[in-house]
Amino acid sequence: MTDKYAKLEQYVRAPHPVLPESQIKYLQEELRKLEVSLQGAYGALTSSGPFIQLPHAMLMSDQDQASAGVTSENLITYNQVVGASGIRVEDNSKIWFDNPGKYLVTFSLQFTNRGNAAQEIEVWAKDGASNYALSNTRFDIAARKSTSVWSHQVAAVSGIFDVVDPALDYLQIAWWSNGPDVFLEHYAAGTTPDRPAIPSVIVTVNFVSGL
């Protein structure tokens, strides 16, 4: 039993796909052709490194973002690209994809309310210039705690974004509030104890599968 698993392991852990040899000459030749084809496909998938590279991105903002008013939508912007492959940001708000497929999008938005009354917030996705159907979510944020301490609400949402045509399909995230005192807020690093800064926006995008 040990020998059998040892032989299996040598194929699994090989630097490229290797098929076991057949004891029949005809099958050996066919298997060799298949092995060459698999090695070519494997090489294409791993051409940028030793592992399969899937499209991904982590985007952030370390800036406050204000509401444009109760009759306007607000587009979330990014000024920090923590890491990305096959995904890029243009015009600070448009997320473009190099490849078609289904992408898991997760975002965390640090809202604050600087006013004396509770406010409503809505957050949704846009595909190009059009609203993405059934993508809206509503949140309520309490009134501020004091004149110097705001109230806080984190809007965390995830969903699947379909990219059919990479030349046309780009993702934007929009938000709205029913009052002017709601902001996307960032906070500087803290001390005693040392704490990292808080971004106003965190968005992660991961390739899930082809269409």
C-alpha atoms as a PDB file:
ATOM      1  CA  MET A   1       0.000   0.000   0.000  1.00  0.00           C
ATOM      2  CA  THR A   2       2.818   2.383   0.866  1.00  0.00           C
ATOM      3  CA  ASP A   3       4.530   1.814  -2.498  1.00  0.00           C
ATOM      4  CA  LYS A   4       1.293   2.542  -4.357  1.00  0.00           C
ATOM      5  CA  TYR A   5       0.793   5.886  -2.616  1.00  0.00           C
ATOM      6  CA  ALA A   6       4.446   6.776  -3.101  1.00  0.00           C
ATOM      7  CA  LYS A   7       4.093   6.287  -6.852  1.00  0.00           C
ATOM      8  CA  LEU A   8       0.910   8.356  -6.885  1.00  0.00           C
ATOM      9  CA  GLU A   9       2.602  11.147  -4.957  1.00  0.00           C
ATOM     10  CA  GLN A  10       5.437  11.428  -7.483  1.00  0.00           C
ATOM     11  CA  TYR A  11       2.905  12.293 -10.190  1.00  0.00           C
ATOM     12  CA  VAL A  12       0.962  14.760  -8.010  1.00  0.00           C
ATOM     13  CA  ARG A  13       4.055  16.603  -6.804  1.00  0.00           C
ATOM     14  CA  ALA A  14       5.877  16.710 -10.152  1.00  0.00           C
ATOM     15  CA  PRO A  15       6.767  20.218 -11.451  1.00  0.00           C
ATOM     16  CA  HIS A  16       4.530  19.558 -14.474  1.00  0.00           C
ATOM     17  CA  PRO A  17       1.878  16.944 -15.275  1.00  0.00           C
ATOM     18  CA  VAL A  18       3.402  13.499 -15.696  1.00  0.00           C
ATOM     19  CA  LEU A  19       1.358  10.458 -16.634  1.00  0.00           C
ATOM     20  CA  PRO A  20       2.366   6.947 -15.567  1.00  0.00           C
ATOM     21  CA  GLU A  21       3.986   4.840 -18.230  1.00  0.00           C
ATOM     22  CA  SER A  22       1.982   2.078 -19.856  1.00  0.00           C
ATOM     23  CA  GLN A  23       3.373  -1.421 -20.356  1.00  0.00           C
ATOM     24  CA  ILE A  24       1.831  -1.567 -23.824  1.00  0.00           C
ATOM     25  CA  LYS A  25       3.772   0.206 -26.575  1.00  0.00           C
ATOM     26  CA  TYR A  26       0.733   1.563 -28.394  1.00  0.00           C
ATOM     27  CA  LEU A  27      -0.657   3.114 -25.212  1.00  0.00           C
ATOM     28  CA  GLN A  28       2.755   4.499 -24.300  1.00  0.00           C
ATOM     29  CA  GLU A  29       2.829   6.502 -27.519  1.00  0.00           C
ATOM     30  CA  GLU A  30      -0.695   7.794 -27.025  1.00  0.00           C
ATOM     31  CA  LEU A  31      -0.013   8.674 -23.423  1.00  0.00           C
ATOM     32  CA  ARG A  32       3.151  10.544 -24.439  1.00  0.00           C
ATOM     33  CA  LYS A  33       1.157  12.660 -26.875  1.00  0.00           C
ATOM     34  CA  LEU A  34      -1.390  13.399 -24.164  1.00  0.00           C
ATOM     35  CA  GLU A  35       1.375  14.267 -21.707  1.00  0.00           C
ATOM     36  CA  VAL A  36       2.902  16.766 -24.141  1.00  0.00           C
ATOM     37  CA  SER A  37      -0.509  18.397 -24.623  1.00  0.00           C
ATOM     38  CA  LEU A  38      -1.082  18.602 -20.880  1.00  0.00           C
ATOM     39  CA  GLN A  39       2.355  20.088 -20.322  1.00  0.00           C
ATOM     40  CA  GLY A  40       1.616  22.767 -22.918  1.00  0.00           C
ATOM     41  CA  ALA A  41      -1.679  23.667 -21.259  1.00  0.00           C
ATOM     42  CA  TYR A  42      -0.081  23.641 -17.818  1.00  0.00           C
ATOM     43  CA  GLY A  43       2.720  25.878 -19.057  1.00  0.00           C
ATOM     44  CA  ALA A  44       0.237  28.398 -20.423  1.00  0.00           C
ATOM     45  CA  LEU A  45      -1.603  28.517 -17.099  1.00  0.00           C
ATOM     46  CA  THR A  46       1.587  28.990 -15.093  1.00  0.00           C
ATOM     47  CA  SER A  47       3.559  31.207 -17.475  1.00  0.00           C
ATOM     48  CA  SER A  48       3.774  34.025 -14.917  1.00  0.00           C
ATOM     49  CA  GLY A  49       5.043  31.867 -12.083  1.00  0.00           C
ATOM     50  CA  PRO A  50       5.036  28.423 -10.481  1.00  0.00           C
ATOM     51  CA  PHE A  51       1.324  28.536  -9.667  1.00  0.00           C
ATOM     52  CA  ILE A  52      -1.884  29.109 -11.579  1.00  0.00           C
ATOM     53  CA  GLN A  53      -2.562  32.851 -11.560  1.00  0.00           C
ATOM     54  CA  LEU A  54      -6.228  33.832 -11.159  1.00  0.00           C
ATOM     55  CA  PRO A  55      -7.475  37.407 -11.633  1.00  0.00           C
ATOM     56  CA  HIS A  56      -7.804  39.232  -8.314  1.00  0.00           C
ATOM     57  CA  ALA A  57      -7.606  42.681  -6.772  1.00  0.00           C
ATOM     58  CA  MET A  58      -7.690  44.407  -3.399  1.00  0.00           C
ATOM     59  CA  LEU A  59      -8.566  48.093  -3.587  1.00  0.00           C
ATOM     60  CA  MET A  60      -8.723  50.692  -0.815  1.00  0.00           C
ATOM     61  CA  SER A  61      -9.172  54.374  -0.107  1.00  0.00           C
ATOM     62  CA  ASP A  62      -7.464  56.300   2.671  1.00  0.00           C
ATOM     63  CA  GLN A  63      -9.509  59.432   1.980  1.00  0.00           C
ATOM     64  CA  ASP A  64     -12.833  60.738   3.254  1.00  0.00           C
ATOM     65  CA  GLN A  65     -15.607  60.724   0.645  1.00  0.00           C
ATOM     66  CA  ALA A  66     -18.558  63.081   1.009  1.00  0.00           C
ATOM     67  CA  SER A  67     -22.110  62.909  -0.287  1.00  0.00           C
ATOM     68  CA  ALA A  68     -22.909  64.998  -3.366  1.00  0.00           C
ATOM     69  CA  GLY A  69     -26.417  65.643  -2.030  1.00  0.00           C
ATOM     70  CA  VAL A  70     -29.709  63.863  -1.439  1.00  0.00           C
ATOM     71  CA  THR A  71     -30.612  63.855  -5.152  1.00  0.00           C
ATOM     72  CA  SER A  72     -27.257  62.549  -6.393  1.00  0.00           C
ATOM     73  CA  GLU A  73     -25.498  59.200  -6.484  1.00  0.00           C
ATOM     74  CA  ASN A  74     -21.952  59.020  -5.155  1.00  0.00           C
ATOM     75  CA  LEU A  75     -19.358  56.838  -6.871  1.00  0.00           C
ATOM     76  CA  ILE A  76     -16.828  55.174  -4.597  1.00  0.00           C
ATOM     77  CA  THR A  77     -13.226  55.985  -5.501  1.00  0.00           C
ATOM     78  CA  TYR A  78      -9.946  54.191  -4.780  1.00  0.00           C
ATOM     79  CA  ASN A  79      -6.449  55.579  -4.347  1.00  0.00           C
ATOM     80  CA  GLN A  80      -4.694  52.455  -3.060  1.00  0.00           C
ATOM     81  CA  VAL A  81      -4.215  49.262  -5.079  1.00  0.00           C
ATOM     82  CA  VAL A  82      -2.877  46.772  -2.557  1.00  0.00           C
ATOM     83  CA  GLY A  83      -2.544  44.027  -5.153  1.00  0.00           C
ATOM     84  CA  ALA A  84      -4.059  43.222  -8.514  1.00  0.00           C
ATOM     85  CA  SER A  85      -3.690  40.820 -11.429  1.00  0.00           C
ATOM     86  CA  GLY A  86      -5.940  40.913 -14.468  1.00  0.00           C
ATOM     87  CA  ILE A  87      -8.009  43.704 -12.884  1.00  0.00           C
ATOM     88  CA  ARG A  88      -7.349  47.446 -12.999  1.00  0.00           C
ATOM     89  CA  VAL A  89      -8.885  50.749 -11.890  1.00  0.00           C
ATOM     90  CA  GLU A  90      -9.491  53.676 -14.246  1.00  0.00           C
ATOM     91  CA  ASP A  91     -10.796  57.157 -13.444  1.00  0.00           C
ATOM     92  CA  ASN A  92     -10.387  56.245  -9.747  1.00  0.00           C
ATOM     93  CA  SER A  93     -13.775  54.465  -9.681  1.00  0.00           C
ATOM     94  CA  LYS A  94     -14.090  52.098 -12.660  1.00  0.00           C
ATOM     95  CA  ILE A  95     -12.967  48.495 -12.099  1.00  0.00           C
ATOM     96  CA  TRP A  96     -12.060  46.848 -15.414  1.00  0.00           C
ATOM     97  CA  PHE A  97     -11.445  43.149 -16.062  1.00  0.00           C
ATOM     98  CA  ASP A  98      -9.017  41.665 -18.588  1.00  0.00           C
ATOM     99  CA  ASN A  99     -10.956  38.402 -18.876  1.00  0.00           C
ATOM    100  CA  PRO A 100     -14.638  37.414 -19.076  1.00  0.00           C
ATOM    101  CA  GLY A 101     -16.119  35.345 -16.282  1.00  0.00           C
ATOM    102  CA  LYS A 102     -17.812  35.494 -12.910  1.00  0.00           C
ATOM    103  CA  TYR A 103     -16.130  37.506 -10.157  1.00  0.00           C
ATOM    104  CA  LEU A 104     -16.848  37.537  -6.436  1.00  0.00           C
ATOM    105  CA  VAL A 105     -16.907  41.152  -5.260  1.00  0.00           C
ATOM    106  CA  THR A 106     -16.844  41.964  -1.546  1.00  0.00           C
ATOM    107  CA  PHE A 107     -16.749  45.469  -0.156  1.00  0.00           C
ATOM    108  CA  SER A 108     -16.560  47.039   3.284  1.00  0.00           C
ATOM    109  CA  LEU A 109     -17.470  50.720   3.565  1.00  0.00           C
ATOM    110  CA  GLN A 110     -16.758  52.748   6.727  1.00  0.00           C
ATOM    111  CA  PHE A 111     -19.671  55.192   6.991  1.00  0.00           C
ATOM    112  CA  THR A 112     -19.992  57.915   9.615  1.00  0.00           C
ATOM    113  CA  ASN A 113     -22.826  60.254  10.495  1.00  0.00           C
ATOM    114  CA  ARG A 114     -21.788  63.710  11.657  1.00  0.00           C
ATOM    115  CA  GLY A 115     -25.337  64.973  12.110  1.00  0.00           C
ATOM    116  CA  ASN A 116     -27.840  65.017  14.967  1.00  0.00           C
ATOM    117  CA  ALA A 117     -30.408  62.823  13.169  1.00  0.00           C
ATOM    118  CA  ALA A 118     -30.318  59.213  12.033  1.00  0.00           C
ATOM    119  CA  GLN A 119     -29.765  58.750   8.300  1.00  0.00           C
ATOM    120  CA  GLU A 120     -30.446  56.131   5.634  1.00  0.00           C
ATOM    121  CA  ILE A 121     -27.754  54.787   3.300  1.00  0.00           C
ATOM    122  CA  GLU A 122     -28.119  52.737   0.135  1.00  0.00           C
ATOM    123  CA  VAL A 123     -25.247  50.978  -1.666  1.00  0.00           C
ATOM    124  CA  TRP A 124     -25.442  49.307  -5.090  1.00  0.00           C
ATOM    125  CA  ALA A 125     -23.387  48.149  -8.079  1.00  0.00           C
ATOM    126  CA  LYS A 126     -23.249  49.558 -11.596  1.00  0.00           C
ATOM    127  CA  ASP A 127     -22.341  47.680 -14.763  1.00  0.00           C
ATOM    128  CA  GLY A 128     -20.952  50.336 -17.042  1.00  0.00           C
ATOM    129  CA  ALA A 129     -23.287  53.315 -16.836  1.00  0.00           C
ATOM    130  CA  SER A 130     -26.291  51.169 -15.836  1.00  0.00           C
ATOM    131  CA  ASN A 131     -27.430  50.090 -12.382  1.00  0.00           C
ATOM    132  CA  TYR A 132     -26.883  46.370 -11.727  1.00  0.00           C
ATOM    133  CA  ALA A 133     -30.314  44.813 -11.191  1.00  0.00           C
ATOM    134  CA  LEU A 134     -31.250  43.835  -7.606  1.00  0.00           C
ATOM    135  CA  SER A 135     -27.855  44.920  -6.246  1.00  0.00           C
ATOM    136  CA  ASN A 136     -29.054  47.583  -3.789  1.00  0.00           C
ATOM    137  CA  THR A 137     -28.800  47.294   0.013  1.00  0.00           C
ATOM    138  CA  ARG A 138     -30.131  49.737   2.627  1.00  0.00           C
ATOM    139  CA  PHE A 139     -28.497  50.585   5.949  1.00  0.00           C
ATOM    140  CA  ASP A 140     -29.477  52.868   8.824  1.00  0.00           C
ATOM    141  CA  ILE A 141     -26.892  54.890  10.706  1.00  0.00           C
ATOM    142  CA  ALA A 142     -27.575  56.461  14.086  1.00  0.00           C
ATOM    143  CA  ALA A 143     -27.117  60.123  14.949  1.00  0.00           C
ATOM    144  CA  ARG A 144     -23.699  61.231  16.127  1.00  0.00           C
ATOM    145  CA  LYS A 145     -22.687  60.500  19.717  1.00  0.00           C
ATOM    146  CA  SER A 146     -21.487  64.038  20.460  1.00  0.00           C
ATOM    147  CA  THR A 147     -20.233  67.149  18.668  1.00  0.00           C
ATOM    148  CA  SER A 148     -16.787  65.550  18.330  1.00  0.00           C
ATOM    149  CA  VAL A 149     -17.600  61.830  18.113  1.00  0.00           C
ATOM    150  CA  TRP A 150     -19.478  60.552  15.066  1.00  0.00           C
ATOM    151  CA  SER A 151     -21.604  57.436  14.848  1.00  0.00           C
ATOM    152  CA  HIS A 152     -20.337  54.579  12.688  1.00  0.00           C
ATOM    153  CA  GLN A 153     -21.786  51.920  10.412  1.00  0.00           C
ATOM    154  CA  VAL A 154     -19.881  49.451   8.249  1.00  0.00           C
ATOM    155  CA  ALA A 155     -21.703  48.450   5.075  1.00  0.00           C
ATOM    156  CA  ALA A 156     -20.429  45.003   4.088  1.00  0.00           C
ATOM    157  CA  VAL A 157     -21.871  43.388   0.955  1.00  0.00           C
ATOM    158  CA  SER A 158     -20.752  40.675  -1.464  1.00  0.00           C
ATOM    159  CA  GLY A 159     -22.073  39.437  -4.788  1.00  0.00           C
ATOM    160  CA  ILE A 160     -21.191  37.966  -8.172  1.00  0.00           C
ATOM    161  CA  PHE A 161     -20.383  40.312 -11.051  1.00  0.00           C
ATOM    162  CA  ASP A 162     -20.629  38.894 -14.579  1.00  0.00           C
ATOM    163  CA  VAL A 163     -18.146  40.103 -17.168  1.00  0.00           C
ATOM    164  CA  VAL A 164     -19.362  39.119 -20.620  1.00  0.00           C
ATOM    165  CA  ASP A 165     -17.366  41.603 -22.700  1.00  0.00           C
ATOM    166  CA  PRO A 166     -14.196  42.983 -21.045  1.00  0.00           C
ATOM    167  CA  ALA A 167     -14.272  45.903 -23.497  1.00  0.00           C
ATOM    168  CA  LEU A 168     -17.668  47.057 -22.211  1.00  0.00           C
ATOM    169  CA  ASP A 169     -18.297  45.650 -18.729  1.00  0.00           C
ATOM    170  CA  TYR A 170     -16.783  47.573 -15.860  1.00  0.00           C
ATOM    171  CA  LEU A 171     -17.864  47.717 -12.222  1.00  0.00           C
ATOM    172  CA  GLN A 172     -18.603  50.793 -10.148  1.00  0.00           C
ATOM    173  CA  ILE A 173     -20.000  50.930  -6.626  1.00  0.00           C
ATOM    174  CA  ALA A 174     -22.405  53.754  -5.836  1.00  0.00           C
ATOM    175  CA  TRP A 175     -24.023  55.015  -2.651  1.00  0.00           C
ATOM    176  CA  TRP A 176     -26.695  57.485  -1.555  1.00  0.00           C
ATOM    177  CA  SER A 177     -27.879  58.936   1.729  1.00  0.00           C
ATOM    178  CA  ASN A 178     -30.999  60.897   2.630  1.00  0.00           C
ATOM    179  CA  GLY A 179     -28.978  63.540   4.455  1.00  0.00           C
ATOM    180  CA  PRO A 180     -25.802  65.563   3.880  1.00  0.00           C
ATOM    181  CA  ASP A 181     -24.053  64.493   7.074  1.00  0.00           C
ATOM    182  CA  VAL A 182     -23.078  60.973   5.984  1.00  0.00           C
ATOM    183  CA  PHE A 183     -19.479  60.413   4.892  1.00  0.00           C
ATOM    184  CA  LEU A 184     -17.167  57.580   3.997  1.00  0.00           C
ATOM    185  CA  GLU A 185     -14.558  58.176   6.672  1.00  0.00           C
ATOM    186  CA  HIS A 186     -10.976  57.071   7.113  1.00  0.00           C
ATOM    187  CA  TYR A 187      -9.037  57.206  10.373  1.00  0.00           C
ATOM    188  CA  ALA A 188      -5.321  57.602  11.004  1.00  0.00           C
ATOM    189  CA  ALA A 189      -3.306  54.976  12.839  1.00  0.00           C
ATOM    190  CA  GLY A 190      -3.921  54.850  16.593  1.00  0.00           C
ATOM    191  CA  THR A 191      -1.588  54.587  19.550  1.00  0.00           C
ATOM    192  CA  THR A 192      -1.595  53.016  23.025  1.00  0.00           C
ATOM    193  CA  PRO A 193      -1.805  50.383  21.767  1.00  0.00           C
ATOM    194  CA  ASP A 194      -0.518  50.821  18.235  1.00  0.00           C
ATOM    195  CA  ARG A 195      -3.330  50.250  15.754  1.00  0.00           C
ATOM    196  CA  PRO A 196      -3.314  50.426  11.942  1.00  0.00           C
ATOM    197  CA  ALA A 197      -5.148  53.120  10.034  1.00  0.00           C
ATOM    198  CA  ILE A 198      -8.762  52.511   9.030  1.00  0.00           C
ATOM    199  CA  PRO A 199      -9.493  52.898   5.305  1.00  0.00           C
ATOM    200  CA  SER A 200     -12.803  54.365   4.219  1.00  0.00           C
ATOM    201  CA  VAL A 201     -13.181  51.663   1.552  1.00  0.00           C
ATOM    202  CA  ILE A 202     -11.970  48.083   1.143  1.00  0.00           C
ATOM    203  CA  VAL A 203     -12.957  46.164  -2.001  1.00  0.00           C
ATOM    204  CA  THR A 204     -11.743  42.685  -2.951  1.00  0.00           C
ATOM    205  CA  VAL A 205     -12.419  41.034  -6.299  1.00  0.00           C
ATOM    206  CA  ASN A 206     -11.706  37.372  -7.061  1.00  0.00           C
ATOM    207  CA  PHE A 207     -12.250  35.331 -10.209  1.00  0.00           C
ATOM    208  CA  VAL A 208     -14.723  32.522  -9.569  1.00  0.00           C
ATOM    209  CA  SER A 209     -15.204  30.805 -12.930  1.00  0.00           C
ATOM    210  CA  GLY A 210     -15.702  31.279 -16.630  1.00  0.00           C
ATOM    211  CA  LEU A 211     -19.183  32.112 -17.880  1.00  0.00           C
END
